[in-house]
């Protein structure tokens, strides 16, 4: 499942993931520690699975999604003098 970081507070150790078409998903710092993720930014895209903790949904198996280059913003090698 994909979503975007709605907010995450490292001091409190939790935050929420916004998922289009459904409610927000709880994100605990332990899921980030297991994935070796040390920092998240608001609106950062991630992929994850839904798990359960104390009867509530929580994100597990979290992975960050690298940002994609916007279309049309590539530089022609001829402009750089490399062609």
PDB file of N, CA and C in Angstrom:
ATOM      1  N   UNK A   1       0.852  -1.162   0.000  1.00  0.00           N
ATOM      2  CA  UNK A   1       0.000   0.000   0.000  1.00  0.00           C
ATOM      3  C   UNK A   1       0.904   1.233   0.000  1.00  0.00           C
ATOM      4  N   UNK A   2       0.487   2.272  -0.706  1.00  0.00           N
ATOM      5  CA  UNK A   2       1.255   3.512  -0.760  1.00  0.00           C
ATOM      6  C   UNK A   2       0.533   4.617  -0.010  1.00  0.00           C
ATOM      7  N   UNK A   3       1.298   5.548   0.514  1.00  0.00           N
ATOM      8  CA  UNK A   3       0.737   6.700   1.191  1.00  0.00           C
ATOM      9  C   UNK A   3       1.781   7.791   1.314  1.00  0.00           C
ATOM     10  N   UNK A   4       1.376   8.902   1.925  1.00  0.00           N
ATOM     11  CA  UNK A   4       2.288  10.023   2.162  1.00  0.00           C
ATOM     12  C   UNK A   4       2.280  10.348   3.649  1.00  0.00           C
ATOM     13  N   UNK A   5       3.444  10.745   4.141  1.00  0.00           N
ATOM     14  CA  UNK A   5       3.538  11.122   5.545  1.00  0.00           C
ATOM     15  C   UNK A   5       2.684  12.364   5.785  1.00  0.00           C
ATOM     16  N   UNK A   6       1.691  12.211   6.651  1.00  0.00           N
ATOM     17  CA  UNK A   6       0.839  13.347   7.010  1.00  0.00           C
ATOM     18  C   UNK A   6       1.576  14.191   8.045  1.00  0.00           C
ATOM     19  N   UNK A   7       2.095  13.521   9.070  1.00  0.00           N
ATOM     20  CA  UNK A   7       2.982  14.135  10.053  1.00  0.00           C
ATOM     21  C   UNK A   7       3.647  13.031  10.844  1.00  0.00           C
ATOM     22  N   UNK A   8       4.822  13.333  11.371  1.00  0.00           N
ATOM     23  CA  UNK A   8       5.543  12.396  12.232  1.00  0.00           C
ATOM     24  C   UNK A   8       6.332  13.205  13.236  1.00  0.00           C
ATOM     25  N   UNK A   9       6.180  12.874  14.517  1.00  0.00           N
ATOM     26  CA  UNK A   9       6.877  13.560  15.597  1.00  0.00           C
ATOM     27  C   UNK A   9       7.884  12.593  16.212  1.00  0.00           C
ATOM     28  N   UNK A  10       9.187  12.766  15.921  1.00  0.00           N
ATOM     29  CA  UNK A  10      10.180  11.836  16.449  1.00  0.00           C
ATOM     30  C   UNK A  10      10.286  11.871  17.977  1.00  0.00           C
ATOM     31  N   UNK A  11       9.962  12.995  18.588  1.00  0.00           N
ATOM     32  CA  UNK A  11      10.002  13.087  20.046  1.00  0.00           C
ATOM     33  C   UNK A  11       8.930  12.196  20.665  1.00  0.00           C
ATOM     34  N   UNK A  12       7.744  12.224  20.095  1.00  0.00           N
ATOM     35  CA  UNK A  12       6.650  11.386  20.588  1.00  0.00           C
ATOM     36  C   UNK A  12       6.771   9.949  20.085  1.00  0.00           C
ATOM     37  N   UNK A  13       7.436   9.772  18.944  1.00  0.00           N
ATOM     38  CA  UNK A  13       7.661   8.429  18.416  1.00  0.00           C
ATOM     39  C   UNK A  13       6.531   7.883  17.557  1.00  0.00           C
ATOM     40  N   UNK A  14       5.697   8.768  17.038  1.00  0.00           N
ATOM     41  CA  UNK A  14       4.638   8.296  16.162  1.00  0.00           C
ATOM     42  C   UNK A  14       4.139   9.404  15.248  1.00  0.00           C
ATOM     43  N   UNK A  15       3.324   9.000  14.298  1.00  0.00           N
ATOM     44  CA  UNK A  15       2.712   9.933  13.364  1.00  0.00           C
ATOM     45  C   UNK A  15       1.660   9.204  12.556  1.00  0.00           C
ATOM     46  N   UNK A  16       1.265   9.795  11.431  1.00  0.00           N
ATOM     47  CA  UNK A  16       0.227   9.196  10.606  1.00  0.00           C
ATOM     48  C   UNK A  16       0.572   9.298   9.128  1.00  0.00           C
ATOM     49  N   UNK A  17       0.104   8.302   8.396  1.00  0.00           N
ATOM     50  CA  UNK A  17       0.269   8.233   6.952  1.00  0.00           C
ATOM     51  C   UNK A  17      -1.090   8.529   6.326  1.00  0.00           C
ATOM     52  N   UNK A  18      -1.129   9.456   5.378  1.00  0.00           N
ATOM     53  CA  UNK A  18      -2.350   9.739   4.631  1.00  0.00           C
ATOM     54  C   UNK A  18      -2.421   8.779   3.452  1.00  0.00           C
ATOM     55  N   UNK A  19      -3.551   8.083   3.349  1.00  0.00           N
ATOM     56  CA  UNK A  19      -3.748   7.127   2.264  1.00  0.00           C
ATOM     57  C   UNK A  19      -4.996   7.542   1.497  1.00  0.00           C
ATOM     58  N   UNK A  20      -4.822   7.766   0.205  1.00  0.00           N
ATOM     59  CA  UNK A  20      -5.951   8.193  -0.627  1.00  0.00           C
ATOM     60  C   UNK A  20      -7.024   7.112  -0.641  1.00  0.00           C
ATOM     61  N   UNK A  21      -8.266   7.522  -0.423  1.00  0.00           N
ATOM     62  CA  UNK A  21      -9.385   6.587  -0.490  1.00  0.00           C
ATOM     63  C   UNK A  21      -9.674   5.836   0.793  1.00  0.00           C
ATOM     64  N   UNK A  22      -8.949   6.130   1.860  1.00  0.00           N
ATOM     65  CA  UNK A  22      -9.207   5.477   3.156  1.00  0.00           C
ATOM     66  C   UNK A  22      -8.719   6.383   4.270  1.00  0.00           C
ATOM     67  N   UNK A  23      -8.925   5.999   5.487  1.00  0.00           N
ATOM     68  CA  UNK A  23      -8.491   6.804   6.622  1.00  0.00           C
ATOM     69  C   UNK A  23      -6.989   6.768   6.810  1.00  0.00           C
ATOM     70  N   UNK A  24      -6.500   7.641   7.674  1.00  0.00           N
ATOM     71  CA  UNK A  24      -5.074   7.687   7.981  1.00  0.00           C
ATOM     72  C   UNK A  24      -4.638   6.413   8.705  1.00  0.00           C
ATOM     73  N   UNK A  25      -3.357   6.078   8.546  1.00  0.00           N
ATOM     74  CA  UNK A  25      -2.797   4.881   9.168  1.00  0.00           C
ATOM     75  C   UNK A  25      -1.739   5.306  10.179  1.00  0.00           C
ATOM     76  N   UNK A  26      -1.805   4.744  11.372  1.00  0.00           N
ATOM     77  CA  UNK A  26      -0.869   5.022  12.447  1.00  0.00           C
ATOM     78  C   UNK A  26       0.527   4.516  12.076  1.00  0.00           C
ATOM     79  N   UNK A  27       1.544   5.297  12.394  1.00  0.00           N
ATOM     80  CA  UNK A  27       2.939   4.921  12.130  1.00  0.00           C
ATOM     81  C   UNK A  27       3.743   5.088  13.407  1.00  0.00           C
ATOM     82  N   UNK A  28       4.267   3.980  13.924  1.00  0.00           N
ATOM     83  CA  UNK A  28       5.073   4.002  15.144  1.00  0.00           C
ATOM     84  C   UNK A  28       6.551   3.988  14.787  1.00  0.00           C
ATOM     85  N   UNK A  29       7.350   4.630  15.617  1.00  0.00           N
ATOM     86  CA  UNK A  29       8.792   4.724  15.373  1.00  0.00           C
ATOM     87  C   UNK A  29       9.444   3.342  15.253  1.00  0.00           C
ATOM     88  N   UNK A  30       8.911   2.333  15.915  1.00  0.00           N
ATOM     89  CA  UNK A  30       9.507   0.993  15.846  1.00  0.00           C
ATOM     90  C   UNK A  30       9.481   0.443  14.418  1.00  0.00           C
ATOM     91  N   UNK A  31       8.451   0.791  13.627  1.00  0.00           N
ATOM     92  CA  UNK A  31       8.400   0.350  12.227  1.00  0.00           C
ATOM     93  C   UNK A  31       9.510   1.008  11.422  1.00  0.00           C
ATOM     94  N   UNK A  32       9.825   2.257  11.758  1.00  0.00           N
ATOM     95  CA  UNK A  32      10.916   2.956  11.073  1.00  0.00           C
ATOM     96  C   UNK A  32      12.266   2.388  11.472  1.00  0.00           C
ATOM     97  N   UNK A  33      12.423   2.081  12.756  1.00  0.00           N
ATOM     98  CA  UNK A  33      13.681   1.507  13.236  1.00  0.00           C
ATOM     99  C   UNK A  33      13.955   0.165  12.562  1.00  0.00           C
ATOM    100  N   UNK A  34      12.922  -0.668  12.416  1.00  0.00           N
ATOM    101  CA  UNK A  34      13.083  -1.966  11.751  1.00  0.00           C
ATOM    102  C   UNK A  34      13.499  -1.800  10.294  1.00  0.00           C
ATOM    103  N   UNK A  35      13.073  -0.696   9.674  1.00  0.00           N
ATOM    104  CA  UNK A  35      13.384  -0.439   8.261  1.00  0.00           C
ATOM    105  C   UNK A  35      14.645   0.415   8.089  1.00  0.00           C
ATOM    106  N   UNK A  36      15.317   0.738   9.187  1.00  0.00           N
ATOM    107  CA  UNK A  36      16.504   1.608   9.148  1.00  0.00           C
ATOM    108  C   UNK A  36      16.211   2.966   8.512  1.00  0.00           C
ATOM    109  N   UNK A  37      15.038   3.495   8.779  1.00  0.00           N
ATOM    110  CA  UNK A  37      14.665   4.823   8.301  1.00  0.00           C
ATOM    111  C   UNK A  37      14.868   5.791   9.458  1.00  0.00           C
ATOM    112  N   UNK A  38      15.726   6.782   9.262  1.00  0.00           N
ATOM    113  CA  UNK A  38      16.047   7.704  10.361  1.00  0.00           C
ATOM    114  C   UNK A  38      15.336   9.044  10.257  1.00  0.00           C
ATOM    115  N   UNK A  39      14.763   9.349   9.089  1.00  0.00           N
ATOM    116  CA  UNK A  39      14.100  10.644   8.930  1.00  0.00           C
ATOM    117  C   UNK A  39      12.965  10.526   7.912  1.00  0.00           C
ATOM    118  N   UNK A  40      11.872  11.230   8.210  1.00  0.00           N
ATOM    119  CA  UNK A  40      10.753  11.323   7.285  1.00  0.00           C
ATOM    120  C   UNK A  40      10.353  12.782   7.154  1.00  0.00           C
ATOM    121  N   UNK A  41       9.871  13.145   5.988  1.00  0.00           N
ATOM    122  CA  UNK A  41       9.395  14.502   5.749  1.00  0.00           C
ATOM    123  C   UNK A  41       7.904  14.474   5.444  1.00  0.00           C
ATOM    124  N   UNK A  42       7.208  15.539   5.786  1.00  0.00           N
ATOM    125  CA  UNK A  42       5.798  15.665   5.444  1.00  0.00           C
ATOM    126  C   UNK A  42       5.651  15.518   3.935  1.00  0.00           C
ATOM    127  N   UNK A  43       4.647  14.782   3.518  1.00  0.00           N
ATOM    128  CA  UNK A  43       4.333  14.488   2.111  1.00  0.00           C
ATOM    129  C   UNK A  43       5.311  13.524   1.451  1.00  0.00           C
ATOM    130  N   UNK A  44       6.257  12.984   2.200  1.00  0.00           N
ATOM    131  CA  UNK A  44       7.161  11.985   1.629  1.00  0.00           C
ATOM    132  C   UNK A  44       6.361  10.716   1.329  1.00  0.00           C
ATOM    133  N   UNK A  45       6.583  10.148   0.157  1.00  0.00           N
ATOM    134  CA  UNK A  45       5.869   8.936  -0.235  1.00  0.00           C
ATOM    135  C   UNK A  45       6.555   7.712   0.343  1.00  0.00           C
ATOM    136  N   UNK A  46       5.716   6.808   0.850  1.00  0.00           N
ATOM    137  CA  UNK A  46       6.230   5.551   1.388  1.00  0.00           C
ATOM    138  C   UNK A  46       5.315   4.410   0.949  1.00  0.00           C
ATOM    139  N   UNK A  47       5.839   3.220   1.057  1.00  0.00           N
ATOM    140  CA  UNK A  47       5.055   2.017   0.840  1.00  0.00           C
ATOM    141  C   UNK A  47       5.092   1.225   2.143  1.00  0.00           C
ATOM    142  N   UNK A  48       4.012   0.510   2.432  1.00  0.00           N
ATOM    143  CA  UNK A  48       3.922  -0.202   3.704  1.00  0.00           C
ATOM    144  C   UNK A  48       2.818  -1.246   3.627  1.00  0.00           C
ATOM    145  N   UNK A  49       2.758  -2.064   4.655  1.00  0.00           N
ATOM    146  CA  UNK A  49       1.674  -3.022   4.817  1.00  0.00           C
ATOM    147  C   UNK A  49       0.916  -2.654   6.086  1.00  0.00           C
ATOM    148  N   UNK A  50      -0.295  -3.148   6.202  1.00  0.00           N
ATOM    149  CA  UNK A  50      -1.102  -2.904   7.390  1.00  0.00           C
ATOM    150  C   UNK A  50      -0.919  -4.075   8.349  1.00  0.00           C
ATOM    151  N   UNK A  51      -0.565  -3.748   9.577  1.00  0.00           N
ATOM    152  CA  UNK A  51      -0.476  -4.732  10.635  1.00  0.00           C
ATOM    153  C   UNK A  51      -1.437  -4.344  11.746  1.00  0.00           C
ATOM    154  N   UNK A  52      -1.359  -5.060  12.849  1.00  0.00           N
ATOM    155  CA  UNK A  52      -2.245  -4.761  13.962  1.00  0.00           C
ATOM    156  C   UNK A  52      -1.446  -4.745  15.256  1.00  0.00           C
ATOM    157  N   UNK A  53      -1.756  -3.779  16.109  1.00  0.00           N
ATOM    158  CA  UNK A  53      -1.129  -3.682  17.422  1.00  0.00           C
ATOM    159  C   UNK A  53      -2.212  -3.254  18.413  1.00  0.00           C
ATOM    160  N   UNK A  54      -2.451  -4.086  19.382  1.00  0.00           N
ATOM    161  CA  UNK A  54      -3.479  -3.817  20.397  1.00  0.00           C
ATOM    162  C   UNK A  54      -4.848  -3.561  19.766  1.00  0.00           C
ATOM    163  N   UNK A  55      -5.143  -4.301  18.710  1.00  0.00           N
ATOM    164  CA  UNK A  55      -6.442  -4.206  18.068  1.00  0.00           C
ATOM    165  C   UNK A  55      -6.605  -3.028  17.123  1.00  0.00           C
ATOM    166  N   UNK A  56      -5.534  -2.289  16.880  1.00  0.00           N
ATOM    167  CA  UNK A  56      -5.615  -1.128  15.986  1.00  0.00           C
ATOM    168  C   UNK A  56      -4.662  -1.313  14.806  1.00  0.00           C
ATOM    169  N   UNK A  57      -5.065  -0.746  13.663  1.00  0.00           N
ATOM    170  CA  UNK A  57      -4.216  -0.811  12.473  1.00  0.00           C
ATOM    171  C   UNK A  57      -2.967   0.026  12.666  1.00  0.00           C
ATOM    172  N   UNK A  58      -1.847  -0.500  12.178  1.00  0.00           N
ATOM    173  CA  UNK A  58      -0.578   0.217  12.216  1.00  0.00           C
ATOM    174  C   UNK A  58       0.241  -0.152  10.977  1.00  0.00           C
ATOM    175  N   UNK A  59       1.094   0.754  10.546  1.00  0.00           N
ATOM    176  CA  UNK A  59       1.944   0.493   9.387  1.00  0.00           C
ATOM    177  C   UNK A  59       3.108  -0.413   9.783  1.00  0.00           C
ATOM    178  N   UNK A  60       3.390  -1.402   8.946  1.00  0.00           N
ATOM    179  CA  UNK A  60       4.548  -2.286   9.127  1.00  0.00           C
ATOM    180  C   UNK A  60       5.251  -2.413   7.785  1.00  0.00           C
ATOM    181  N   UNK A  61       6.455  -2.972   7.807  1.00  0.00           N
ATOM    182  CA  UNK A  61       7.244  -3.182   6.584  1.00  0.00           C
ATOM    183  C   UNK A  61       7.309  -1.909   5.745  1.00  0.00           C
ATOM    184  N   UNK A  62       7.671  -0.829   6.397  1.00  0.00           N
ATOM    185  CA  UNK A  62       7.707   0.495   5.777  1.00  0.00           C
ATOM    186  C   UNK A  62       8.951   0.640   4.894  1.00  0.00           C
ATOM    187  N   UNK A  63       8.779   1.237   3.725  1.00  0.00           N
ATOM    188  CA  UNK A  63       9.893   1.561   2.837  1.00  0.00           C
ATOM    189  C   UNK A  63       9.632   2.926   2.227  1.00  0.00           C
ATOM    190  N   UNK A  64      10.679   3.710   2.092  1.00  0.00           N
ATOM    191  CA  UNK A  64      10.530   5.000   1.424  1.00  0.00           C
ATOM    192  C   UNK A  64      10.534   4.782  -0.083  1.00  0.00           C
ATOM    193  N   UNK A  65       9.870   5.670  -0.782  1.00  0.00           N
ATOM    194  CA  UNK A  65       9.836   5.637  -2.247  1.00  0.00           C
ATOM    195  C   UNK A  65      10.679   6.802  -2.732  1.00  0.00           C
ATOM    196  N   UNK A  66      11.727   6.528  -3.510  1.00  0.00           N
ATOM    197  CA  UNK A  66      12.560   7.625  -4.005  1.00  0.00           C
ATOM    198  C   UNK A  66      11.737   8.585  -4.858  1.00  0.00           C
ATOM    199  N   UNK A  67      11.990   9.893  -4.730  1.00  0.00           N
ATOM    200  CA  UNK A  67      11.252  10.851  -5.558  1.00  0.00           C
ATOM    201  C   UNK A  67      11.567  10.639  -7.030  1.00  0.00           C
ATOM    202  N   UNK A  68      10.571  10.853  -7.861  1.00  0.00           N
ATOM    203  CA  UNK A  68      10.774  10.731  -9.305  1.00  0.00           C
ATOM    204  C   UNK A  68      11.065  12.095  -9.885  1.00  0.00           C
ATOM    205  N   UNK A  69      11.823  12.097 -10.974  1.00  0.00           N
ATOM    206  CA  UNK A  69      12.114  13.362 -11.652  1.00  0.00           C
ATOM    207  C   UNK A  69      10.867  13.818 -12.379  1.00  0.00           C
ATOM    208  N   UNK A  70      10.515  15.083 -12.267  1.00  0.00           N
ATOM    209  CA  UNK A  70       9.363  15.586 -13.021  1.00  0.00           C
ATOM    210  C   UNK A  70       9.607  15.473 -14.517  1.00  0.00           C
ATOM    211  N   UNK A  71       8.585  15.118 -15.253  1.00  0.00           N
ATOM    212  CA  UNK A  71       8.700  14.983 -16.705  1.00  0.00           C
ATOM    213  C   UNK A  71       9.061  16.316 -17.336  1.00  0.00           C
ATOM    214  N   UNK A  72       9.921  16.263 -18.344  1.00  0.00           N
ATOM    215  CA  UNK A  72      10.261  17.466 -19.089  1.00  0.00           C
ATOM    216  C   UNK A  72      11.362  18.304 -18.468  1.00  0.00           C
ATOM    217  N   UNK A  73      11.927  17.866 -17.356  1.00  0.00           N
ATOM    218  CA  UNK A  73      12.966  18.659 -16.710  1.00  0.00           C
ATOM    219  C   UNK A  73      14.361  18.067 -16.888  1.00  0.00           C
ATOM    220  N   UNK A  74      14.510  17.112 -17.797  1.00  0.00           N
ATOM    221  CA  UNK A  74      15.833  16.561 -18.026  1.00  0.00           C
ATOM    222  C   UNK A  74      16.642  17.525 -18.890  1.00  0.00           C
ATOM    223  N   UNK A  75      17.935  17.482 -18.720  1.00  0.00           N
ATOM    224  CA  UNK A  75      18.825  18.381 -19.460  1.00  0.00           C
ATOM    225  C   UNK A  75      19.404  17.629 -20.651  1.00  0.00           C
ATOM    226  N   UNK A  76      19.310  18.219 -21.800  1.00  0.00           N
ATOM    227  CA  UNK A  76      19.852  17.649 -23.021  1.00  0.00           C
ATOM    228  C   UNK A  76      21.377  17.660 -22.921  1.00  0.00           C
ATOM    229  N   UNK A  77      22.039  16.490 -23.141  1.00  0.00           N
ATOM    230  CA  UNK A  77      23.501  16.440 -23.059  1.00  0.00           C
ATOM    231  C   UNK A  77      24.179  17.443 -23.993  1.00  0.00           C
ATOM    232  N   UNK A  78      23.550  17.803 -25.106  1.00  0.00           N
ATOM    233  CA  UNK A  78      24.125  18.771 -26.036  1.00  0.00           C
ATOM    234  C   UNK A  78      24.266  20.147 -25.367  1.00  0.00           C
ATOM    235  N   UNK A  79      23.332  20.471 -24.489  1.00  0.00           N
ATOM    236  CA  UNK A  79      23.380  21.756 -23.799  1.00  0.00           C
ATOM    237  C   UNK A  79      24.597  21.803 -22.872  1.00  0.00           C
ATOM    238  N   UNK A  80      24.946  20.655 -22.308  1.00  0.00           N
ATOM    239  CA  UNK A  80      26.089  20.595 -21.392  1.00  0.00           C
ATOM    240  C   UNK A  80      27.424  20.469 -22.132  1.00  0.00           C
ATOM    241  N   UNK A  81      27.369  20.273 -23.449  1.00  0.00           N
ATOM    242  CA  UNK A  81      28.589  20.119 -24.228  1.00  0.00           C
ATOM    243  C   UNK A  81      29.156  18.725 -24.137  1.00  0.00           C
ATOM    244  N   UNK A  82      28.319  17.750 -23.723  1.00  0.00           N
ATOM    245  CA  UNK A  82      28.778  16.362 -23.565  1.00  0.00           C
ATOM    246  C   UNK A  82      28.389  15.481 -24.741  1.00  0.00           C
ATOM    247  N   UNK A  83      27.851  16.058 -25.795  1.00  0.00           N
ATOM    248  CA  UNK A  83      27.408  15.212 -26.910  1.00  0.00           C
ATOM    249  C   UNK A  83      28.231  15.500 -28.155  1.00  0.00           C
TER     250      UNK A  83
END
